[in-house]
Every structure is written in structure tokens, then in C-alpha cells.
Full PDB file with SEQRES, HELIX, SHEET, SSBOND, CRYST1, ORIGX, SCALE, CONECT and MASTER records, all heavy atoms in Angstrom:
SEQRES   1 A   34  TYR CYS SER VAL THR GLY PHE GLY GLN THR GLY PRO TYR          
SEQRES   2 A   34  ALA GLU ARG ALA GLY TYR ASP PHE LEU ALA GLN GLY MET          
SEQRES   3 A   34  GLY GLY ILE MET SER VAL THR GLY                              
HELIX    1 AA1 ASP A   20  MET A   26  1                                   7    
HELIX    2 AA2 ILE A   29  VAL A   32  5                                   4    
CRYST1    1.000    1.000    1.000  90.00  90.00  90.00 P 1           1          
ORIGX1      1.000000  0.000000  0.000000        0.00000                         
ORIGX2      0.000000  1.000000  0.000000        0.00000                         
ORIGX3      0.000000  0.000000  1.000000        0.00000                         
SCALE1      1.000000  0.000000  0.000000        0.00000                         
SCALE2      0.000000  1.000000  0.000000        0.00000                         
SCALE3      0.000000  0.000000  1.000000        0.00000                         
ATOM      1  N   TYR A   1      -2.140  68.165   5.477  1.00  0.00           N  
ATOM      2  CA  TYR A   1      -3.433  68.328   6.142  1.00  0.00           C  
ATOM      3  C   TYR A   1      -3.179  68.305   7.644  1.00  0.00           C  
ATOM      4  O   TYR A   1      -2.783  67.291   8.201  1.00  0.00           O  
ATOM      5  CB  TYR A   1      -4.333  67.175   5.710  1.00  0.00           C  
ATOM      6  CG  TYR A   1      -5.791  67.247   6.105  1.00  0.00           C  
ATOM      7  CD1 TYR A   1      -6.778  67.355   5.132  1.00  0.00           C  
ATOM      8  CD2 TYR A   1      -6.197  67.163   7.435  1.00  0.00           C  
ATOM      9  CE1 TYR A   1      -8.136  67.392   5.473  1.00  0.00           C  
ATOM     10  CE2 TYR A   1      -7.538  67.202   7.788  1.00  0.00           C  
ATOM     11  CZ  TYR A   1      -8.508  67.318   6.800  1.00  0.00           C  
ATOM     12  OH  TYR A   1      -9.833  67.343   7.139  1.00  0.00           O  
ATOM     13  N   CYS A   2      -3.399  69.432   8.309  1.00  0.00           N  
ATOM     14  CA  CYS A   2      -3.112  69.548   9.740  1.00  0.00           C  
ATOM     15  C   CYS A   2      -4.404  69.671  10.522  1.00  0.00           C  
ATOM     16  O   CYS A   2      -5.170  70.613  10.313  1.00  0.00           O  
ATOM     17  CB  CYS A   2      -2.215  70.757  10.015  1.00  0.00           C  
ATOM     18  SG  CYS A   2      -1.803  70.975  11.757  1.00  0.00           S  
ATOM     19  N   SER A   3      -4.639  68.723  11.436  1.00  0.00           N  
ATOM     20  CA  SER A   3      -5.815  68.746  12.303  1.00  0.00           C  
ATOM     21  C   SER A   3      -5.404  69.162  13.705  1.00  0.00           C  
ATOM     22  O   SER A   3      -4.534  68.540  14.321  1.00  0.00           O  
ATOM     23  CB  SER A   3      -6.465  67.358  12.357  1.00  0.00           C  
ATOM     24  OG  SER A   3      -6.969  66.988  11.097  1.00  0.00           O  
ATOM     25  N   VAL A   4      -6.027  70.228  14.202  1.00  0.00           N  
ATOM     26  CA  VAL A   4      -5.783  70.730  15.551  1.00  0.00           C  
ATOM     27  C   VAL A   4      -7.029  70.449  16.380  1.00  0.00           C  
ATOM     28  O   VAL A   4      -8.109  70.965  16.080  1.00  0.00           O  
ATOM     29  CB  VAL A   4      -5.487  72.249  15.526  1.00  0.00           C  
ATOM     30  CG1 VAL A   4      -5.230  72.769  16.943  1.00  0.00           C  
ATOM     31  CG2 VAL A   4      -4.302  72.558  14.612  1.00  0.00           C  
ATOM     32  N   THR A   5      -6.903  69.617  17.404  1.00  0.00           N  
ATOM     33  CA  THR A   5      -8.055  69.247  18.222  1.00  0.00           C  
ATOM     34  C   THR A   5      -7.703  69.346  19.700  1.00  0.00           C  
ATOM     35  O   THR A   5      -6.557  69.649  20.062  1.00  0.00           O  
ATOM     36  CB  THR A   5      -8.514  67.810  17.911  1.00  0.00           C  
ATOM     37  OG1 THR A   5      -7.417  66.913  18.149  1.00  0.00           O  
ATOM     38  CG2 THR A   5      -8.991  67.681  16.477  1.00  0.00           C  
ATOM     39  N   GLY A   6      -8.694  69.066  20.539  1.00  0.00           N  
ATOM     40  CA  GLY A   6      -8.446  69.087  21.974  1.00  0.00           C  
ATOM     41  C   GLY A   6      -7.671  67.885  22.456  1.00  0.00           C  
ATOM     42  O   GLY A   6      -6.769  67.992  23.281  1.00  0.00           O  
ATOM     43  N   PHE A   7      -8.012  66.693  21.893  1.00  0.00           N  
ATOM     44  CA  PHE A   7      -7.460  65.461  22.443  1.00  0.00           C  
ATOM     45  C   PHE A   7      -6.855  64.532  21.402  1.00  0.00           C  
ATOM     46  O   PHE A   7      -6.464  63.412  21.733  1.00  0.00           O  
ATOM     47  CB  PHE A   7      -8.557  64.721  23.217  1.00  0.00           C  
ATOM     48  CG  PHE A   7      -9.094  65.526  24.375  1.00  0.00           C  
ATOM     49  CD1 PHE A   7     -10.278  66.240  24.251  1.00  0.00           C  
ATOM     50  CD2 PHE A   7      -8.400  65.607  25.565  1.00  0.00           C  
ATOM     51  CE1 PHE A   7     -10.776  66.997  25.307  1.00  0.00           C  
ATOM     52  CE2 PHE A   7      -8.884  66.366  26.626  1.00  0.00           C  
ATOM     53  CZ  PHE A   7     -10.069  67.064  26.499  1.00  0.00           C  
ATOM     54  N   GLY A   8      -6.765  64.957  20.159  1.00  0.00           N  
ATOM     55  CA  GLY A   8      -6.145  64.130  19.137  1.00  0.00           C  
ATOM     56  C   GLY A   8      -7.155  63.281  18.385  1.00  0.00           C  
ATOM     57  O   GLY A   8      -8.338  63.213  18.720  1.00  0.00           O  
ATOM     58  N   GLN A   9      -6.659  62.612  17.350  1.00  0.00           N  
ATOM     59  CA  GLN A   9      -7.500  61.801  16.476  1.00  0.00           C  
ATOM     60  C   GLN A   9      -7.748  60.404  17.025  1.00  0.00           C  
ATOM     61  O   GLN A   9      -8.580  59.664  16.503  1.00  0.00           O  
ATOM     62  CB  GLN A   9      -6.841  61.688  15.096  1.00  0.00           C  
ATOM     63  CG  GLN A   9      -6.609  63.019  14.400  1.00  0.00           C  
ATOM     64  CD  GLN A   9      -7.894  63.720  14.018  1.00  0.00           C  
ATOM     65  OE1 GLN A   9      -8.737  63.139  13.329  1.00  0.00           O  
ATOM     66  NE2 GLN A   9      -8.060  64.962  14.446  1.00  0.00           N  
ATOM     67  N   THR A  10      -7.018  59.994  18.051  1.00  0.00           N  
ATOM     68  CA  THR A  10      -7.140  58.660  18.610  1.00  0.00           C  
ATOM     69  C   THR A  10      -7.313  58.752  20.121  1.00  0.00           C  
ATOM     70  O   THR A  10      -7.144  59.812  20.716  1.00  0.00           O  
ATOM     71  CB  THR A  10      -5.885  57.823  18.298  1.00  0.00           C  
ATOM     72  OG1 THR A  10      -4.727  58.476  18.855  1.00  0.00           O  
ATOM     73  CG2 THR A  10      -5.691  57.661  16.798  1.00  0.00           C  
ATOM     74  N   GLY A  11      -7.628  57.616  20.752  1.00  0.00           N  
ATOM     75  CA  GLY A  11      -7.758  57.578  22.201  1.00  0.00           C  
ATOM     76  C   GLY A  11      -9.190  57.759  22.664  1.00  0.00           C  
ATOM     77  O   GLY A  11     -10.065  58.200  21.901  1.00  0.00           O  
ATOM     78  N   PRO A  12      -9.466  57.469  23.927  1.00  0.00           N  
ATOM     79  CA  PRO A  12     -10.843  57.495  24.436  1.00  0.00           C  
ATOM     80  C   PRO A  12     -11.479  58.874  24.477  1.00  0.00           C  
ATOM     81  O   PRO A  12     -12.700  58.982  24.559  1.00  0.00           O  
ATOM     82  CB  PRO A  12     -10.712  56.894  25.846  1.00  0.00           C  
ATOM     83  CG  PRO A  12      -9.276  57.105  26.232  1.00  0.00           C  
ATOM     84  CD  PRO A  12      -8.512  56.995  24.956  1.00  0.00           C  
ATOM     85  N   TYR A  13     -10.685  59.933  24.450  1.00  0.00           N  
ATOM     86  CA  TYR A  13     -11.241  61.290  24.505  1.00  0.00           C  
ATOM     87  C   TYR A  13     -11.322  61.953  23.133  1.00  0.00           C  
ATOM     88  O   TYR A  13     -11.648  63.134  23.040  1.00  0.00           O  
ATOM     89  CB  TYR A  13     -10.390  62.192  25.407  1.00  0.00           C  
ATOM     90  CG  TYR A  13     -10.192  61.723  26.829  1.00  0.00           C  
ATOM     91  CD1 TYR A  13      -9.135  62.228  27.589  1.00  0.00           C  
ATOM     92  CD2 TYR A  13     -11.032  60.791  27.421  1.00  0.00           C  
ATOM     93  CE1 TYR A  13      -8.929  61.813  28.893  1.00  0.00           C  
ATOM     94  CE2 TYR A  13     -10.837  60.359  28.721  1.00  0.00           C  
ATOM     95  CZ  TYR A  13      -9.786  60.881  29.454  1.00  0.00           C  
ATOM     96  OH  TYR A  13      -9.576  60.463  30.738  1.00  0.00           O  
ATOM     97  N   ALA A  14     -11.011  61.225  22.078  1.00  0.00           N  
ATOM     98  CA  ALA A  14     -10.848  61.849  20.764  1.00  0.00           C  
ATOM     99  C   ALA A  14     -12.045  62.673  20.330  1.00  0.00           C  
ATOM    100  O   ALA A  14     -11.893  63.727  19.710  1.00  0.00           O  
ATOM    101  CB  ALA A  14     -10.537  60.780  19.711  1.00  0.00           C  
ATOM    102  N   GLU A  15     -13.253  62.232  20.655  1.00  0.00           N  
ATOM    103  CA  GLU A  15     -14.442  62.930  20.159  1.00  0.00           C  
ATOM    104  C   GLU A  15     -14.875  64.080  21.055  1.00  0.00           C  
ATOM    105  O   GLU A  15     -15.843  64.779  20.742  1.00  0.00           O  
ATOM    106  CB  GLU A  15     -15.588  61.931  19.989  1.00  0.00           C  
ATOM    107  CG  GLU A  15     -15.314  60.904  18.901  1.00  0.00           C  
ATOM    108  CD  GLU A  15     -16.506  60.003  18.629  1.00  0.00           C  
ATOM    109  OE1 GLU A  15     -17.549  60.184  19.276  1.00  0.00           O  
ATOM    110  OE2 GLU A  15     -16.376  59.127  17.759  1.00  0.00           O  
ATOM    111  N   ARG A  16     -14.198  64.294  22.168  1.00  0.00           N  
ATOM    112  CA  ARG A  16     -14.562  65.411  23.046  1.00  0.00           C  
ATOM    113  C   ARG A  16     -14.147  66.748  22.445  1.00  0.00           C  
ATOM    114  O   ARG A  16     -13.132  66.854  21.755  1.00  0.00           O  
ATOM    115  CB  ARG A  16     -13.872  65.271  24.402  1.00  0.00           C  
ATOM    116  CG  ARG A  16     -14.325  64.108  25.249  1.00  0.00           C  
ATOM    117  CD  ARG A  16     -13.659  64.198  26.613  1.00  0.00           C  
ATOM    118  NE  ARG A  16     -13.936  63.043  27.448  1.00  0.00           N  
ATOM    119  CZ  ARG A  16     -13.466  62.903  28.689  1.00  0.00           C  
ATOM    120  NH1 ARG A  16     -12.695  63.852  29.227  1.00  0.00           N  
ATOM    121  NH2 ARG A  16     -13.749  61.819  29.395  1.00  0.00           N  
ATOM    122  N   ALA A  17     -14.921  67.772  22.753  1.00  0.00           N  
ATOM    123  CA  ALA A  17     -14.498  69.133  22.412  1.00  0.00           C  
ATOM    124  C   ALA A  17     -13.371  69.540  23.359  1.00  0.00           C  
ATOM    125  O   ALA A  17     -13.362  69.169  24.532  1.00  0.00           O  
ATOM    126  CB  ALA A  17     -15.669  70.095  22.547  1.00  0.00           C  
ATOM    127  N   GLY A  18     -12.421  70.283  22.840  1.00  0.00           N  
ATOM    128  CA  GLY A  18     -11.272  70.673  23.655  1.00  0.00           C  
ATOM    129  C   GLY A  18     -11.197  72.171  23.866  1.00  0.00           C  
ATOM    130  O   GLY A  18     -11.506  72.951  22.962  1.00  0.00           O  
ATOM    131  N   TYR A  19     -10.783  72.569  25.055  1.00  0.00           N  
ATOM    132  CA  TYR A  19     -10.615  73.979  25.393  1.00  0.00           C  
ATOM    133  C   TYR A  19      -9.303  74.156  26.145  1.00  0.00           C  
ATOM    134  O   TYR A  19      -8.865  73.263  26.878  1.00  0.00           O  
ATOM    135  CB  TYR A  19     -11.788  74.465  26.258  1.00  0.00           C  
ATOM    136  CG  TYR A  19     -13.117  74.397  25.549  1.00  0.00           C  
ATOM    137  CD1 TYR A  19     -13.897  73.250  25.630  1.00  0.00           C  
ATOM    138  CD2 TYR A  19     -13.575  75.458  24.776  1.00  0.00           C  
ATOM    139  CE1 TYR A  19     -15.118  73.166  24.966  1.00  0.00           C  
ATOM    140  CE2 TYR A  19     -14.791  75.386  24.111  1.00  0.00           C  
ATOM    141  CZ  TYR A  19     -15.553  74.239  24.209  1.00  0.00           C  
ATOM    142  OH  TYR A  19     -16.749  74.163  23.546  1.00  0.00           O  
ATOM    143  N   ASP A  20      -8.709  75.301  25.970  1.00  0.00           N  
ATOM    144  CA  ASP A  20      -7.436  75.587  26.616  1.00  0.00           C  
ATOM    145  C   ASP A  20      -7.497  75.342  28.123  1.00  0.00           C  
ATOM    146  O   ASP A  20      -6.602  74.713  28.699  1.00  0.00           O  
ATOM    147  CB  ASP A  20      -7.035  77.042  26.344  1.00  0.00           C  
ATOM    148  CG  ASP A  20      -5.794  77.469  27.089  1.00  0.00           C  
ATOM    149  OD1 ASP A  20      -5.928  77.934  28.253  1.00  0.00           O  
ATOM    150  OD2 ASP A  20      -4.701  77.327  26.549  1.00  0.00           O  
ATOM    151  N   PHE A  21      -8.539  75.827  28.781  1.00  0.00           N  
ATOM    152  CA  PHE A  21      -8.686  75.698  30.230  1.00  0.00           C  
ATOM    153  C   PHE A  21      -8.676  74.218  30.641  1.00  0.00           C  
ATOM    154  O   PHE A  21      -8.006  73.809  31.597  1.00  0.00           O  
ATOM    155  CB  PHE A  21      -9.994  76.367  30.657  1.00  0.00           C  
ATOM    156  CG  PHE A  21     -10.076  76.741  32.114  1.00  0.00           C  
ATOM    157  CD1 PHE A  21     -11.198  77.424  32.572  1.00  0.00           C  
ATOM    158  CD2 PHE A  21      -9.079  76.430  33.023  1.00  0.00           C  
ATOM    159  CE1 PHE A  21     -11.314  77.784  33.912  1.00  0.00           C  
ATOM    160  CE2 PHE A  21      -9.185  76.785  34.361  1.00  0.00           C  
ATOM    161  CZ  PHE A  21     -10.304  77.451  34.805  1.00  0.00           C  
ATOM    162  N   LEU A  22      -9.418  73.394  29.889  1.00  0.00           N  
ATOM    163  CA  LEU A  22      -9.443  71.968  30.187  1.00  0.00           C  
ATOM    164  C   LEU A  22      -8.067  71.344  30.000  1.00  0.00           C  
ATOM    165  O   LEU A  22      -7.632  70.508  30.810  1.00  0.00           O  
ATOM    166  CB  LEU A  22     -10.451  71.252  29.282  1.00  0.00           C  
ATOM    167  CG  LEU A  22     -11.917  71.651  29.415  1.00  0.00           C  
ATOM    168  CD1 LEU A  22     -12.767  70.835  28.446  1.00  0.00           C  
ATOM    169  CD2 LEU A  22     -12.397  71.458  30.845  1.00  0.00           C  
ATOM    170  N   ALA A  23      -7.379  71.730  28.931  1.00  0.00           N  
ATOM    171  CA  ALA A  23      -6.052  71.164  28.677  1.00  0.00           C  
ATOM    172  C   ALA A  23      -5.076  71.543  29.786  1.00  0.00           C  
ATOM    173  O   ALA A  23      -4.255  70.717  30.224  1.00  0.00           O  
ATOM    174  CB  ALA A  23      -5.533  71.644  27.324  1.00  0.00           C  
ATOM    175  N   GLN A  24      -5.148  72.794  30.252  1.00  0.00           N  
ATOM    176  CA  GLN A  24      -4.257  73.197  31.342  1.00  0.00           C  
ATOM    177  C   GLN A  24      -4.530  72.374  32.596  1.00  0.00           C  
ATOM    178  O   GLN A  24      -3.601  71.963  33.295  1.00  0.00           O  
ATOM    179  CB  GLN A  24      -4.427  74.687  31.645  1.00  0.00           C  
ATOM    180  CG  GLN A  24      -3.866  75.612  30.576  1.00  0.00           C  
ATOM    181  CD  GLN A  24      -3.677  77.031  31.081  1.00  0.00           C  
ATOM    182  OE1 GLN A  24      -3.292  77.240  32.225  1.00  0.00           O  
ATOM    183  NE2 GLN A  24      -3.929  78.006  30.214  1.00  0.00           N  
ATOM    184  N   GLY A  25      -5.807  72.124  32.879  1.00  0.00           N  
ATOM    185  CA  GLY A  25      -6.143  71.338  34.060  1.00  0.00           C  
ATOM    186  C   GLY A  25      -5.760  69.885  33.910  1.00  0.00           C  
ATOM    187  O   GLY A  25      -5.089  69.306  34.776  1.00  0.00           O  
ATOM    188  N   MET A  26      -6.153  69.265  32.800  1.00  0.00           N  
ATOM    189  CA  MET A  26      -5.910  67.841  32.610  1.00  0.00           C  
ATOM    190  C   MET A  26      -4.442  67.541  32.354  1.00  0.00           C  
ATOM    191  O   MET A  26      -3.957  66.450  32.675  1.00  0.00           O  
ATOM    192  CB  MET A  26      -6.762  67.326  31.445  1.00  0.00           C  
ATOM    193  CG  MET A  26      -8.251  67.429  31.696  1.00  0.00           C  
ATOM    194  SD  MET A  26      -9.247  67.007  30.252  1.00  0.00           S  
ATOM    195  CE  MET A  26      -8.968  65.241  30.186  1.00  0.00           C  
ATOM    196  N   GLY A  27      -3.723  68.494  31.760  1.00  0.00           N  
ATOM    197  CA  GLY A  27      -2.327  68.279  31.406  1.00  0.00           C  
ATOM    198  C   GLY A  27      -1.331  68.554  32.504  1.00  0.00           C  
ATOM    199  O   GLY A  27      -0.129  68.392  32.301  1.00  0.00           O  
ATOM    200  N   GLY A  28      -1.795  68.999  33.679  1.00  0.00           N  
ATOM    201  CA  GLY A  28      -0.919  69.099  34.834  1.00  0.00           C  
ATOM    202  C   GLY A  28      -0.379  70.464  35.174  1.00  0.00           C  
ATOM    203  O   GLY A  28       0.102  70.669  36.290  1.00  0.00           O  
ATOM    204  N   ILE A  29      -0.460  71.440  34.249  1.00  0.00           N  
ATOM    205  CA  ILE A  29       0.208  72.708  34.528  1.00  0.00           C  
ATOM    206  C   ILE A  29      -0.454  73.452  35.679  1.00  0.00           C  
ATOM    207  O   ILE A  29       0.210  74.132  36.468  1.00  0.00           O  
ATOM    208  CB  ILE A  29       0.272  73.603  33.263  1.00  0.00           C  
ATOM    209  CG1 ILE A  29       1.264  74.762  33.466  1.00  0.00           C  
ATOM    210  CG2 ILE A  29      -1.100  74.135  32.888  1.00  0.00           C  
ATOM    211  CD1 ILE A  29       2.690  74.310  33.610  1.00  0.00           C  
ATOM    212  N   MET A  30      -1.772  73.304  35.851  1.00  0.00           N  
ATOM    213  CA  MET A  30      -2.452  74.022  36.928  1.00  0.00           C  
ATOM    214  C   MET A  30      -2.075  73.467  38.303  1.00  0.00           C  
ATOM    215  O   MET A  30      -2.194  74.168  39.309  1.00  0.00           O  
ATOM    216  CB  MET A  30      -3.967  73.979  36.728  1.00  0.00           C  
ATOM    217  CG  MET A  30      -4.446  74.856  35.579  1.00  0.00           C  
ATOM    218  SD  MET A  30      -6.223  74.709  35.250  1.00  0.00           S  
ATOM    219  CE  MET A  30      -6.901  75.316  36.795  1.00  0.00           C  
ATOM    220  N   SER A  31      -1.602  72.228  38.345  1.00  0.00           N  
ATOM    221  CA  SER A  31      -1.221  71.635  39.632  1.00  0.00           C  
ATOM    222  C   SER A  31       0.090  72.198  40.160  1.00  0.00           C  
ATOM    223  O   SER A  31       0.410  72.002  41.329  1.00  0.00           O  
ATOM    224  CB  SER A  31      -1.106  70.114  39.499  1.00  0.00           C  
ATOM    225  OG  SER A  31       0.062  69.735  38.785  1.00  0.00           O  
ATOM    226  N   VAL A  32       0.849  72.883  39.284  1.00  0.00           N  
ATOM    227  CA  VAL A  32       2.124  73.453  39.735  1.00  0.00           C  
ATOM    228  C   VAL A  32       2.148  74.968  39.578  1.00  0.00           C  
ATOM    229  O   VAL A  32       3.205  75.595  39.693  1.00  0.00           O  
ATOM    230  CB  VAL A  32       3.330  72.817  38.988  1.00  0.00           C  
ATOM    231  CG1 VAL A  32       3.463  71.358  39.356  1.00  0.00           C  
ATOM    232  CG2 VAL A  32       3.193  72.981  37.469  1.00  0.00           C  
ATOM    233  N   THR A  33       0.987  75.561  39.276  1.00  0.00           N  
ATOM    234  CA  THR A  33       0.898  77.010  39.086  1.00  0.00           C  
ATOM    235  C   THR A  33       0.122  77.624  40.246  1.00  0.00           C  
ATOM    236  O   THR A  33      -0.891  77.083  40.678  1.00  0.00           O  
ATOM    237  CB  THR A  33       0.184  77.337  37.759  1.00  0.00           C  
ATOM    238  OG1 THR A  33       0.889  76.718  36.694  1.00  0.00           O  
ATOM    239  CG2 THR A  33       0.130  78.834  37.515  1.00  0.00           C  
ATOM    240  N   GLY A  34       0.589  78.768  40.718  1.00  0.00           N  
ATOM    241  CA  GLY A  34      -0.112  79.461  41.788  1.00  0.00           C  
ATOM    242  C   GLY A  34       0.530  79.246  43.147  1.00  0.00           C  
ATOM    243  O   GLY A  34       1.580  78.610  43.281  1.00  0.00           O  
TER     244      GLY A  34                                                      
MASTER        0    0    0    2    0    0    0    6  243    1    0    3          
END                                                                             
């Protein structure tokens, strides 16, 4: 059983909806791109 989510099954953000754009921003890649 594979669950694909924005922020995982645990942690304070678990219930948030996830989007690629948000993940790129929050995960650091946008800070080193451009």
C-alpha cells in the first residue's frame, strides 16, 4: 500500500494539501535556482 502525499503521514504538516510548486519552494531548490 503506497501513499503519495505532499508532506507525509506524520509531522505537523501531514494534513496539508501538497503541490509541486510548494514542495520546490519549501524544500530549498528554488533558493538555488535562477
